[in-house]
Amino acid sequence: MNLELRHLRVVCAIADTGSVTKAAALLGLAQPALTAQLQRIERTLGGPLFERNRRGTTPTALGELVLARARVVLPAMKGLQDDAARFAGANETPSRYRIGASNGPILGGMMTRLAEEHPTAMISPYSSWSVDELSDMVLAGRLDFCVAGSCGDTVPGTPNDGLIWKEIGIDPVFIILPSWHEFADREEIRLGELADALWVATPGDGCFGDCFAAACAREGFAPKTLYEVDVSGCIDIVQSGHALGLCQGTFRQVNGLVTVPITGTPLRWRHLLGWHPSGPAASFASIAVAHAVAAYRDTAGRNPVYSQWLKRNPGFGPPDDMT
């Protein structure tokens, strides 16, 4: 019998679980079949690989030698297969796009453009308010790309997690007011003028709440309350007059609501696209980035308040508008 990679996996499974019975369950095999396979492996290698006792199985000296080599060979072969798949896929049309997204203006337009360019590709969106969750899913290979937002100059995910993040656009943070509010016709509002207001925004696991509190502190007050609810809840709460909202500059116009810039633009929101540099989607990252930027630009262009604001405030908006 010639020794194969699957045989090395059997040896590692028995060593890792400490039991032929547990290894069989892990590998999805019947115990007698795994026992017979182990015996064939031992005959090929010239001796027993494990000692069996009441506490389970422990490697023999020969077993330790085989395990040491197997733990080098198996990861190396997995790396070779992954690299070969990425190389082969570099010139192929992607068959799927799995895109995770937090609250933002990019996902829909990005999906539409990808579908038009690759009509046979499967496009699967996943939504979550938690950027950490989306980052972890990209790291685990469960998502190809992550469309995320980040406050100020921060980067989503955890430090040194290995993901690549490309900036898609920078939004100022605006205030959402009911159209009947006394400040609704203002060109901008100073935060200090709203010291008595209650506030609402969409949830997140970044530092936005702290940054908002710091911006208020610079204006000489502490915000009374910052509710965190989904987009529909934010709209309802602001329309009811219970609280004022905080939104990205690209926030779509809603009947009965207006968005007004904050004097001095103390808060900004970066839209980013992330992916794993060693994942299969890395070959198509430039395509995804181009469509994400185009989707952002279209959304910004549909908002007249934001479009006019961008003309007066270089350094915000999509990359083409940055100086």
C-alpha atoms as a PDB file:
ATOM      1  CA  MET A   1       0.000   0.000   0.000  1.00  0.00           C
ATOM      2  CA  ASN A   2       1.263   3.481  -0.880  1.00  0.00           C
ATOM      3  CA  LEU A   3       0.978   6.054   1.868  1.00  0.00           C
ATOM      4  CA  GLU A   4      -1.415   8.923   0.986  1.00  0.00           C
ATOM      5  CA  LEU A   5      -2.415  12.221   2.559  1.00  0.00           C
ATOM      6  CA  ARG A   6      -5.685  10.725   3.809  1.00  0.00           C
ATOM      7  CA  HIS A   7      -3.648   8.219   5.817  1.00  0.00           C
ATOM      8  CA  LEU A   8      -1.719  11.028   7.490  1.00  0.00           C
ATOM      9  CA  ARG A   9      -5.039  12.694   8.358  1.00  0.00           C
ATOM     10  CA  VAL A  10      -6.145   9.460  10.036  1.00  0.00           C
ATOM     11  CA  VAL A  11      -2.990   9.340  12.156  1.00  0.00           C
ATOM     12  CA  CYS A  12      -3.405  12.999  13.170  1.00  0.00           C
ATOM     13  CA  ALA A  13      -7.081  12.511  14.018  1.00  0.00           C
ATOM     14  CA  ILE A  14      -6.321   9.569  16.320  1.00  0.00           C
ATOM     15  CA  ALA A  15      -3.533  11.505  18.037  1.00  0.00           C
ATOM     16  CA  ASP A  16      -5.640  14.651  18.421  1.00  0.00           C
ATOM     17  CA  THR A  17      -8.694  12.878  19.846  1.00  0.00           C
ATOM     18  CA  GLY A  18      -6.757  10.268  21.873  1.00  0.00           C
ATOM     19  CA  SER A  19      -9.138   7.552  20.775  1.00  0.00           C
ATOM     20  CA  VAL A  20      -9.848   5.473  17.683  1.00  0.00           C
ATOM     21  CA  THR A  21     -13.564   5.703  18.496  1.00  0.00           C
ATOM     22  CA  LYS A  22     -13.518   9.508  18.684  1.00  0.00           C
ATOM     23  CA  ALA A  23     -11.358   9.765  15.577  1.00  0.00           C
ATOM     24  CA  ALA A  24     -13.817   7.592  13.661  1.00  0.00           C
ATOM     25  CA  ALA A  25     -16.665   9.913  14.668  1.00  0.00           C
ATOM     26  CA  LEU A  26     -14.597  12.958  13.673  1.00  0.00           C
ATOM     27  CA  LEU A  27     -13.796  11.493  10.260  1.00  0.00           C
ATOM     28  CA  GLY A  28     -17.281  10.117   9.652  1.00  0.00           C
ATOM     29  CA  LEU A  29     -16.126   6.494   9.519  1.00  0.00           C
ATOM     30  CA  ALA A  30     -17.204   3.343  11.283  1.00  0.00           C
ATOM     31  CA  GLN A  31     -14.803   2.317  14.052  1.00  0.00           C
ATOM     32  CA  PRO A  32     -13.999  -1.126  12.550  1.00  0.00           C
ATOM     33  CA  ALA A  33     -13.190   0.498   9.219  1.00  0.00           C
ATOM     34  CA  LEU A  34     -10.851   3.014  10.845  1.00  0.00           C
ATOM     35  CA  THR A  35      -9.180   0.296  12.915  1.00  0.00           C
ATOM     36  CA  ALA A  36      -8.556  -1.743   9.769  1.00  0.00           C
ATOM     37  CA  GLN A  37      -7.174   1.306   7.997  1.00  0.00           C
ATOM     38  CA  LEU A  38      -4.835   2.066  10.889  1.00  0.00           C
ATOM     39  CA  GLN A  39      -3.547  -1.507  10.782  1.00  0.00           C
ATOM     40  CA  ARG A  40      -2.763  -1.172   7.067  1.00  0.00           C
ATOM     41  CA  ILE A  41      -0.962   2.120   7.709  1.00  0.00           C
ATOM     42  CA  GLU A  42       1.110   0.503  10.483  1.00  0.00           C
ATOM     43  CA  ARG A  43       2.057  -2.443   8.250  1.00  0.00           C
ATOM     44  CA  THR A  44       3.163   0.013   5.537  1.00  0.00           C
ATOM     45  CA  LEU A  45       5.287   1.994   7.966  1.00  0.00           C
ATOM     46  CA  GLY A  46       6.770  -1.062   9.641  1.00  0.00           C
ATOM     47  CA  GLY A  47       5.422  -0.912  13.174  1.00  0.00           C
ATOM     48  CA  PRO A  48       2.709   0.237  15.590  1.00  0.00           C
ATOM     49  CA  LEU A  49       1.992   3.962  15.721  1.00  0.00           C
ATOM     50  CA  PHE A  50      -0.062   3.955  18.947  1.00  0.00           C
ATOM     51  CA  GLU A  51      -0.146   2.186  22.260  1.00  0.00           C
ATOM     52  CA  ARG A  52      -3.653   1.384  23.479  1.00  0.00           C
ATOM     53  CA  ASN A  53      -4.596   1.424  27.156  1.00  0.00           C
ATOM     54  CA  ARG A  54      -7.537   2.322  29.376  1.00  0.00           C
ATOM     55  CA  ARG A  55      -6.852   6.022  28.965  1.00  0.00           C
ATOM     56  CA  GLY A  56      -7.017   5.795  25.170  1.00  0.00           C
ATOM     57  CA  THR A  57      -4.200   5.831  22.632  1.00  0.00           C
ATOM     58  CA  THR A  58      -0.774   7.443  22.882  1.00  0.00           C
ATOM     59  CA  PRO A  59       1.793   7.651  20.072  1.00  0.00           C
ATOM     60  CA  THR A  60       4.769   5.315  20.029  1.00  0.00           C
ATOM     61  CA  ALA A  61       8.225   6.606  19.081  1.00  0.00           C
ATOM     62  CA  LEU A  62       7.447   5.696  15.472  1.00  0.00           C
ATOM     63  CA  GLY A  63       4.077   7.384  15.821  1.00  0.00           C
ATOM     64  CA  GLU A  64       5.712  10.596  17.076  1.00  0.00           C
ATOM     65  CA  LEU A  65       8.001  10.574  14.028  1.00  0.00           C
ATOM     66  CA  VAL A  66       5.082  10.124  11.624  1.00  0.00           C
ATOM     67  CA  LEU A  67       3.022  12.791  13.401  1.00  0.00           C
ATOM     68  CA  ALA A  68       5.872  15.316  13.269  1.00  0.00           C
ATOM     69  CA  ARG A  69       6.198  14.832   9.509  1.00  0.00           C
ATOM     70  CA  ALA A  70       2.406  14.766   8.957  1.00  0.00           C
ATOM     71  CA  ARG A  71       1.920  18.099  10.746  1.00  0.00           C
ATOM     72  CA  VAL A  72       4.364  19.659   8.289  1.00  0.00           C
ATOM     73  CA  VAL A  73       3.148  17.926   5.131  1.00  0.00           C
ATOM     74  CA  LEU A  74      -0.617  18.426   5.571  1.00  0.00           C
ATOM     75  CA  PRO A  75      -0.565  22.245   6.046  1.00  0.00           C
ATOM     76  CA  ALA A  76       1.958  22.540   3.209  1.00  0.00           C
ATOM     77  CA  MET A  77      -0.321  20.611   0.856  1.00  0.00           C
ATOM     78  CA  LYS A  78      -3.324  22.672   1.950  1.00  0.00           C
ATOM     79  CA  GLY A  79      -1.370  25.844   1.235  1.00  0.00           C
ATOM     80  CA  LEU A  80      -0.363  24.518  -2.182  1.00  0.00           C
ATOM     81  CA  GLN A  81      -3.976  23.715  -3.048  1.00  0.00           C
ATOM     82  CA  ASP A  82      -5.165  27.163  -1.910  1.00  0.00           C
ATOM     83  CA  ASP A  83      -2.431  28.966  -3.847  1.00  0.00           C
ATOM     84  CA  ALA A  84      -3.147  26.898  -6.958  1.00  0.00           C
ATOM     85  CA  ALA A  85      -6.866  27.670  -6.698  1.00  0.00           C
ATOM     86  CA  ARG A  86      -6.177  31.400  -6.380  1.00  0.00           C
ATOM     87  CA  PHE A  87      -3.754  31.312  -9.305  1.00  0.00           C
ATOM     88  CA  ALA A  88      -6.168  29.371 -11.490  1.00  0.00           C
ATOM     89  CA  GLY A  89      -9.020  31.675 -10.561  1.00  0.00           C
ATOM     90  CA  ALA A  90      -7.140  34.881 -11.294  1.00  0.00           C
ATOM     91  CA  ASN A  91      -8.205  34.820 -14.945  1.00  0.00           C
ATOM     92  CA  GLU A  92     -11.616  33.256 -14.465  1.00  0.00           C
ATOM     93  CA  THR A  93     -15.007  34.872 -14.115  1.00  0.00           C
ATOM     94  CA  PRO A  94     -16.184  34.684 -10.486  1.00  0.00           C
ATOM     95  CA  SER A  95     -19.059  32.295  -9.904  1.00  0.00           C
ATOM     96  CA  ARG A  96     -20.277  34.002  -6.719  1.00  0.00           C
ATOM     97  CA  TYR A  97     -20.037  37.122  -4.603  1.00  0.00           C
ATOM     98  CA  ARG A  98     -20.826  36.817  -0.886  1.00  0.00           C
ATOM     99  CA  ILE A  99     -21.076  40.362   0.448  1.00  0.00           C
ATOM    100  CA  GLY A 100     -21.669  41.370   4.040  1.00  0.00           C
ATOM    101  CA  ALA A 101     -22.752  44.912   4.845  1.00  0.00           C
ATOM    102  CA  SER A 102     -23.571  47.155   7.780  1.00  0.00           C
ATOM    103  CA  ASN A 103     -25.810  50.214   7.493  1.00  0.00           C
ATOM    104  CA  GLY A 104     -24.744  52.210   4.458  1.00  0.00           C
ATOM    105  CA  PRO A 105     -25.578  53.365   0.930  1.00  0.00           C
ATOM    106  CA  ILE A 106     -23.414  50.982  -1.108  1.00  0.00           C
ATOM    107  CA  LEU A 107     -24.732  47.400  -1.031  1.00  0.00           C
ATOM    108  CA  GLY A 108     -27.718  47.707  -3.400  1.00  0.00           C
ATOM    109  CA  GLY A 109     -25.905  49.552  -6.160  1.00  0.00           C
ATOM    110  CA  MET A 110     -22.896  47.287  -5.842  1.00  0.00           C
ATOM    111  CA  MET A 111     -25.051  44.166  -6.222  1.00  0.00           C
ATOM    112  CA  THR A 112     -26.797  45.608  -9.292  1.00  0.00           C
ATOM    113  CA  ARG A 113     -23.510  46.390 -11.025  1.00  0.00           C
ATOM    114  CA  LEU A 114     -21.989  43.005 -10.243  1.00  0.00           C
ATOM    115  CA  ALA A 115     -25.111  41.269 -11.561  1.00  0.00           C
ATOM    116  CA  GLU A 116     -24.957  43.268 -14.799  1.00  0.00           C
ATOM    117  CA  GLU A 117     -21.269  42.484 -15.342  1.00  0.00           C
ATOM    118  CA  HIS A 118     -21.503  38.830 -14.288  1.00  0.00           C
ATOM    119  CA  PRO A 119     -25.108  37.728 -14.928  1.00  0.00           C
ATOM    120  CA  THR A 120     -24.362  34.069 -14.136  1.00  0.00           C
ATOM    121  CA  ALA A 121     -22.663  34.786 -10.806  1.00  0.00           C
ATOM    122  CA  MET A 122     -24.526  34.075  -7.581  1.00  0.00           C
ATOM    123  CA  ILE A 123     -24.721  37.188  -5.398  1.00  0.00           C
ATOM    124  CA  SER A 124     -25.488  36.567  -1.734  1.00  0.00           C
ATOM    125  CA  PRO A 125     -25.876  39.540   0.652  1.00  0.00           C
ATOM    126  CA  TYR A 126     -25.628  39.327   4.431  1.00  0.00           C
ATOM    127  CA  SER A 127     -26.562  42.196   6.725  1.00  0.00           C
ATOM    128  CA  SER A 128     -25.391  42.892  10.266  1.00  0.00           C
ATOM    129  CA  TRP A 129     -25.021  45.984  12.448  1.00  0.00           C
ATOM    130  CA  SER A 130     -21.809  44.443  13.836  1.00  0.00           C
ATOM    131  CA  VAL A 131     -18.736  45.157  11.731  1.00  0.00           C
ATOM    132  CA  ASP A 132     -16.756  42.819  13.980  1.00  0.00           C
ATOM    133  CA  GLU A 133     -19.091  39.978  13.027  1.00  0.00           C
ATOM    134  CA  LEU A 134     -18.711  40.755   9.321  1.00  0.00           C
ATOM    135  CA  SER A 135     -14.912  40.940   9.626  1.00  0.00           C
ATOM    136  CA  ASP A 136     -14.820  37.588  11.406  1.00  0.00           C
ATOM    137  CA  MET A 137     -16.954  36.045   8.648  1.00  0.00           C
ATOM    138  CA  VAL A 138     -14.531  37.297   5.992  1.00  0.00           C
ATOM    139  CA  LEU A 139     -11.596  35.899   7.981  1.00  0.00           C
ATOM    140  CA  ALA A 140     -13.383  32.550   8.292  1.00  0.00           C
ATOM    141  CA  GLY A 141     -14.084  32.406   4.558  1.00  0.00           C
ATOM    142  CA  ARG A 142     -17.851  32.697   4.975  1.00  0.00           C
ATOM    143  CA  LEU A 143     -17.955  36.056   3.167  1.00  0.00           C
ATOM    144  CA  ASP A 144     -15.904  37.314   0.224  1.00  0.00           C
ATOM    145  CA  PHE A 145     -16.267  41.036   0.904  1.00  0.00           C
ATOM    146  CA  CYS A 146     -17.398  43.274   3.727  1.00  0.00           C
ATOM    147  CA  VAL A 147     -18.943  46.706   3.141  1.00  0.00           C
ATOM    148  CA  ALA A 148     -18.447  48.466   6.441  1.00  0.00           C
ATOM    149  CA  GLY A 149     -18.426  51.873   8.044  1.00  0.00           C
ATOM    150  CA  SER A 150     -15.883  53.313  10.436  1.00  0.00           C
ATOM    151  CA  CYS A 151     -15.867  56.471  12.545  1.00  0.00           C
ATOM    152  CA  GLY A 152     -13.109  59.000  11.919  1.00  0.00           C
ATOM    153  CA  ASP A 153      -9.774  57.392  11.037  1.00  0.00           C
ATOM    154  CA  THR A 154     -10.419  54.037  12.721  1.00  0.00           C
ATOM    155  CA  VAL A 155     -10.272  50.718  10.867  1.00  0.00           C
ATOM    156  CA  PRO A 156     -12.930  47.997  11.297  1.00  0.00           C
ATOM    157  CA  GLY A 157     -12.170  44.628  12.827  1.00  0.00           C
ATOM    158  CA  THR A 158      -9.339  43.857  15.207  1.00  0.00           C
ATOM    159  CA  PRO A 159      -5.759  45.120  14.889  1.00  0.00           C
ATOM    160  CA  ASN A 160      -3.536  42.973  12.694  1.00  0.00           C
ATOM    161  CA  ASP A 161      -6.391  40.692  11.608  1.00  0.00           C
ATOM    162  CA  GLY A 162      -4.907  40.638   8.114  1.00  0.00           C
ATOM    163  CA  LEU A 163      -7.859  42.061   6.180  1.00  0.00           C
ATOM    164  CA  ILE A 164      -7.312  44.653   3.449  1.00  0.00           C
ATOM    165  CA  TRP A 165      -9.563  47.729   3.651  1.00  0.00           C
ATOM    166  CA  LYS A 166     -10.119  50.087   0.731  1.00  0.00           C
ATOM    167  CA  GLU A 167     -11.741  53.461   1.325  1.00  0.00           C
ATOM    168  CA  ILE A 168     -14.856  53.927  -0.831  1.00  0.00           C
ATOM    169  CA  GLY A 169     -15.982  57.347   0.364  1.00  0.00           C
ATOM    170  CA  ILE A 170     -16.109  59.687   3.329  1.00  0.00           C
ATOM    171  CA  ASP A 171     -19.415  61.049   4.625  1.00  0.00           C
ATOM    172  CA  PRO A 172     -19.920  63.909   7.034  1.00  0.00           C
ATOM    173  CA  VAL A 173     -22.396  63.187   9.819  1.00  0.00           C
ATOM    174  CA  PHE A 174     -25.584  65.259   9.493  1.00  0.00           C
ATOM    175  CA  ILE A 175     -28.524  65.849  11.829  1.00  0.00           C
ATOM    176  CA  ILE A 176     -31.970  64.503  10.911  1.00  0.00           C
ATOM    177  CA  LEU A 177     -34.834  66.810  11.876  1.00  0.00           C
ATOM    178  CA  PRO A 178     -38.601  66.685  11.369  1.00  0.00           C
ATOM    179  CA  SER A 179     -39.542  69.174   8.655  1.00  0.00           C
ATOM    180  CA  TRP A 180     -41.480  71.266  11.172  1.00  0.00           C
ATOM    181  CA  HIS A 181     -38.478  71.768  13.491  1.00  0.00           C
ATOM    182  CA  GLU A 182     -37.423  75.375  14.073  1.00  0.00           C
ATOM    183  CA  PHE A 183     -33.955  74.645  12.639  1.00  0.00           C
ATOM    184  CA  ALA A 184     -35.163  72.657   9.627  1.00  0.00           C
ATOM    185  CA  ASP A 185     -34.418  75.468   7.140  1.00  0.00           C
ATOM    186  CA  ARG A 186     -30.879  76.125   8.426  1.00  0.00           C
ATOM    187  CA  GLU A 187     -27.838  75.612   6.187  1.00  0.00           C
ATOM    188  CA  GLU A 188     -26.008  74.199   9.209  1.00  0.00           C
ATOM    189  CA  ILE A 189     -26.500  73.780  12.947  1.00  0.00           C
ATOM    190  CA  ARG A 190     -24.017  74.124  15.776  1.00  0.00           C
ATOM    191  CA  LEU A 191     -24.233  71.171  18.153  1.00  0.00           C
ATOM    192  CA  GLY A 192     -24.333  73.483  21.146  1.00  0.00           C
ATOM    193  CA  GLU A 193     -27.689  74.834  19.976  1.00  0.00           C
ATOM    194  CA  LEU A 194     -29.177  71.384  20.562  1.00  0.00           C
ATOM    195  CA  ALA A 195     -27.831  70.740  24.056  1.00  0.00           C
ATOM    196  CA  ASP A 196     -31.304  69.851  25.369  1.00  0.00           C
ATOM    197  CA  ALA A 197     -32.147  67.374  22.596  1.00  0.00           C
ATOM    198  CA  LEU A 198     -32.466  63.602  22.776  1.00  0.00           C
ATOM    199  CA  TRP A 199     -30.654  61.702  20.027  1.00  0.00           C
ATOM    200  CA  VAL A 200     -31.030  58.495  18.024  1.00  0.00           C
ATOM    201  CA  ALA A 201     -28.697  56.612  15.661  1.00  0.00           C
ATOM    202  CA  THR A 202     -28.272  53.130  14.257  1.00  0.00           C
ATOM    203  CA  PRO A 203     -26.325  50.658  16.435  1.00  0.00           C
ATOM    204  CA  GLY A 204     -22.721  49.658  15.928  1.00  0.00           C
ATOM    205  CA  ASP A 205     -19.724  48.188  17.715  1.00  0.00           C
ATOM    206  CA  GLY A 206     -17.301  51.009  16.893  1.00  0.00           C
ATOM    207  CA  CYS A 207     -16.472  54.265  18.648  1.00  0.00           C
ATOM    208  CA  PHE A 208     -19.184  56.512  17.161  1.00  0.00           C
ATOM    209  CA  GLY A 209     -21.035  57.006  20.452  1.00  0.00           C
ATOM    210  CA  ASP A 210     -17.822  58.083  22.175  1.00  0.00           C
ATOM    211  CA  CYS A 211     -16.888  60.396  19.292  1.00  0.00           C
ATOM    212  CA  PHE A 212     -20.336  62.017  19.396  1.00  0.00           C
ATOM    213  CA  ALA A 213     -20.045  62.553  23.158  1.00  0.00           C
ATOM    214  CA  ALA A 214     -16.602  64.106  22.645  1.00  0.00           C
ATOM    215  CA  ALA A 215     -17.951  66.460  19.955  1.00  0.00           C
ATOM    216  CA  CYS A 216     -20.733  67.544  22.305  1.00  0.00           C
ATOM    217  CA  ALA A 217     -18.224  68.066  25.135  1.00  0.00           C
ATOM    218  CA  ARG A 218     -16.260  70.439  22.918  1.00  0.00           C
ATOM    219  CA  GLU A 219     -19.481  72.437  22.609  1.00  0.00           C
ATOM    220  CA  GLY A 220     -19.850  72.522  26.391  1.00  0.00           C
ATOM    221  CA  PHE A 221     -22.527  69.899  27.060  1.00  0.00           C
ATOM    222  CA  ALA A 222     -23.100  66.175  27.460  1.00  0.00           C
ATOM    223  CA  PRO A 223     -25.822  64.551  25.306  1.00  0.00           C
ATOM    224  CA  LYS A 224     -28.781  63.453  27.399  1.00  0.00           C
ATOM    225  CA  THR A 225     -29.511  60.227  25.544  1.00  0.00           C
ATOM    226  CA  LEU A 226     -28.341  58.419  22.409  1.00  0.00           C
ATOM    227  CA  TYR A 227     -30.832  55.716  21.497  1.00  0.00           C
ATOM    228  CA  GLU A 228     -29.640  52.931  19.191  1.00  0.00           C
ATOM    229  CA  VAL A 229     -32.287  51.405  16.901  1.00  0.00           C
ATOM    230  CA  ASP A 230     -32.479  50.232  13.286  1.00  0.00           C
ATOM    231  CA  VAL A 231     -32.996  52.621  10.364  1.00  0.00           C
ATOM    232  CA  SER A 232     -36.789  52.320  10.373  1.00  0.00           C
ATOM    233  CA  GLY A 233     -36.852  52.935  14.113  1.00  0.00           C
ATOM    234  CA  CYS A 234     -34.656  56.029  13.727  1.00  0.00           C
ATOM    235  CA  ILE A 235     -36.992  57.470  11.103  1.00  0.00           C
ATOM    236  CA  ASP A 236     -40.052  56.795  13.229  1.00  0.00           C
ATOM    237  CA  ILE A 237     -38.537  58.322  16.361  1.00  0.00           C
ATOM    238  CA  VAL A 238     -37.442  61.486  14.542  1.00  0.00           C
ATOM    239  CA  GLN A 239     -40.773  61.832  12.725  1.00  0.00           C
ATOM    240  CA  SER A 240     -42.558  61.580  16.068  1.00  0.00           C
ATOM    241  CA  GLY A 241     -40.487  64.467  17.406  1.00  0.00           C
ATOM    242  CA  HIS A 242     -39.135  62.429  20.321  1.00  0.00           C
ATOM    243  CA  ALA A 243     -35.461  62.745  19.334  1.00  0.00           C
ATOM    244  CA  LEU A 244     -33.140  64.096  16.650  1.00  0.00           C
ATOM    245  CA  GLY A 245     -31.210  61.713  14.443  1.00  0.00           C
ATOM    246  CA  LEU A 246     -27.580  61.372  13.411  1.00  0.00           C
ATOM    247  CA  CYS A 247     -26.960  60.099   9.899  1.00  0.00           C
ATOM    248  CA  GLN A 248     -24.424  59.762   7.118  1.00  0.00           C
ATOM    249  CA  GLY A 249     -24.434  62.531   4.531  1.00  0.00           C
ATOM    250  CA  THR A 250     -25.710  60.049   1.931  1.00  0.00           C
ATOM    251  CA  PHE A 251     -28.871  59.379   3.970  1.00  0.00           C
ATOM    252  CA  ARG A 252     -31.797  59.213   1.546  1.00  0.00           C
ATOM    253  CA  GLN A 253     -34.468  61.868   1.737  1.00  0.00           C
ATOM    254  CA  VAL A 254     -37.612  60.788   3.578  1.00  0.00           C
ATOM    255  CA  ASN A 255     -40.931  62.620   3.492  1.00  0.00           C
ATOM    256  CA  GLY A 256     -41.349  64.750   6.588  1.00  0.00           C
ATOM    257  CA  LEU A 257     -37.632  64.758   7.419  1.00  0.00           C
ATOM    258  CA  VAL A 258     -34.704  67.007   6.512  1.00  0.00           C
ATOM    259  CA  THR A 259     -30.967  66.591   6.992  1.00  0.00           C
ATOM    260  CA  VAL A 260     -28.808  69.534   8.072  1.00  0.00           C
ATOM    261  CA  PRO A 261     -24.985  69.670   8.264  1.00  0.00           C
ATOM    262  CA  ILE A 262     -23.243  70.239  11.601  1.00  0.00           C
ATOM    263  CA  THR A 263     -21.105  73.377  11.858  1.00  0.00           C
ATOM    264  CA  GLY A 264     -17.444  72.505  11.564  1.00  0.00           C
ATOM    265  CA  THR A 265     -18.156  68.881  10.576  1.00  0.00           C
ATOM    266  CA  PRO A 266     -16.950  67.411  13.883  1.00  0.00           C
ATOM    267  CA  LEU A 267     -17.951  63.854  12.903  1.00  0.00           C
ATOM    268  CA  ARG A 268     -17.227  61.867   9.771  1.00  0.00           C
ATOM    269  CA  TRP A 269     -17.983  58.343   8.593  1.00  0.00           C
ATOM    270  CA  ARG A 270     -15.693  56.343   6.282  1.00  0.00           C
ATOM    271  CA  HIS A 271     -17.176  53.726   3.952  1.00  0.00           C
ATOM    272  CA  LEU A 272     -14.774  50.827   3.379  1.00  0.00           C
ATOM    273  CA  LEU A 273     -14.625  47.570   1.460  1.00  0.00           C
ATOM    274  CA  GLY A 274     -12.688  44.742   3.090  1.00  0.00           C
ATOM    275  CA  TRP A 275     -11.440  41.342   1.943  1.00  0.00           C
ATOM    276  CA  HIS A 276      -8.863  38.722   2.865  1.00  0.00           C
ATOM    277  CA  PRO A 277      -5.663  39.037   0.802  1.00  0.00           C
ATOM    278  CA  SER A 278      -5.281  35.258   0.668  1.00  0.00           C
ATOM    279  CA  GLY A 279      -8.934  34.470  -0.025  1.00  0.00           C
ATOM    280  CA  PRO A 280     -10.275  33.477  -3.454  1.00  0.00           C
ATOM    281  CA  ALA A 281     -12.096  36.814  -3.754  1.00  0.00           C
ATOM    282  CA  ALA A 282      -8.794  38.728  -3.705  1.00  0.00           C
ATOM    283  CA  SER A 283      -8.507  38.116  -7.463  1.00  0.00           C
ATOM    284  CA  PHE A 284     -11.714  40.080  -8.017  1.00  0.00           C
ATOM    285  CA  ALA A 285     -11.168  42.799  -5.420  1.00  0.00           C
ATOM    286  CA  SER A 286     -10.466  45.518  -8.003  1.00  0.00           C
ATOM    287  CA  ILE A 287     -13.807  44.756  -9.677  1.00  0.00           C
ATOM    288  CA  ALA A 288     -15.661  44.920  -6.369  1.00  0.00           C
ATOM    289  CA  VAL A 289     -13.952  48.187  -5.380  1.00  0.00           C
ATOM    290  CA  ALA A 290     -14.834  49.865  -8.682  1.00  0.00           C
ATOM    291  CA  HIS A 291     -18.490  48.907  -8.360  1.00  0.00           C
ATOM    292  CA  ALA A 292     -18.616  49.961  -4.697  1.00  0.00           C
ATOM    293  CA  VAL A 293     -17.213  53.421  -5.542  1.00  0.00           C
ATOM    294  CA  ALA A 294     -19.672  53.805  -8.432  1.00  0.00           C
ATOM    295  CA  ALA A 295     -22.572  52.811  -6.166  1.00  0.00           C
ATOM    296  CA  TYR A 296     -21.490  55.357  -3.558  1.00  0.00           C
ATOM    297  CA  ARG A 297     -21.141  58.102  -6.163  1.00  0.00           C
ATOM    298  CA  ASP A 298     -24.634  57.446  -7.509  1.00  0.00           C
ATOM    299  CA  THR A 299     -26.151  57.529  -4.040  1.00  0.00           C
ATOM    300  CA  ALA A 300     -24.417  60.813  -3.222  1.00  0.00           C
ATOM    301  CA  GLY A 301     -25.622  62.292  -6.496  1.00  0.00           C
ATOM    302  CA  ARG A 302     -29.256  61.486  -5.700  1.00  0.00           C
ATOM    303  CA  ASN A 303     -29.143  63.574  -2.508  1.00  0.00           C
ATOM    304  CA  PRO A 304     -29.305  67.284  -3.467  1.00  0.00           C
ATOM    305  CA  VAL A 305     -28.449  68.538   0.024  1.00  0.00           C
ATOM    306  CA  TYR A 306     -25.338  66.373   0.145  1.00  0.00           C
ATOM    307  CA  SER A 307     -24.354  67.121  -3.466  1.00  0.00           C
ATOM    308  CA  GLN A 308     -24.371  70.855  -2.784  1.00  0.00           C
ATOM    309  CA  TRP A 309     -22.499  70.377   0.485  1.00  0.00           C
ATOM    310  CA  LEU A 310     -19.767  68.367  -1.289  1.00  0.00           C
ATOM    311  CA  LYS A 311     -19.123  71.231  -3.706  1.00  0.00           C
ATOM    312  CA  ARG A 312     -18.299  73.468  -0.752  1.00  0.00           C
ATOM    313  CA  ASN A 313     -16.339  70.883   1.222  1.00  0.00           C
ATOM    314  CA  PRO A 314     -13.499  69.136  -0.621  1.00  0.00           C
ATOM    315  CA  GLY A 315     -12.048  66.106   1.088  1.00  0.00           C
ATOM    316  CA  PHE A 316     -15.343  64.277   1.428  1.00  0.00           C
ATOM    317  CA  GLY A 317     -17.335  62.048  -0.883  1.00  0.00           C
ATOM    318  CA  PRO A 318     -16.004  59.354  -3.262  1.00  0.00           C
ATOM    319  CA  PRO A 319     -12.263  59.144  -4.060  1.00  0.00           C
ATOM    320  CA  ASP A 320     -12.554  61.192  -7.260  1.00  0.00           C
ATOM    321  CA  ASP A 321     -13.764  64.140  -5.205  1.00  0.00           C
ATOM    322  CA  MET A 322     -10.892  64.079  -2.717  1.00  0.00           C
ATOM    323  CA  THR A 323      -8.032  66.524  -2.840  1.00  0.00           C
END
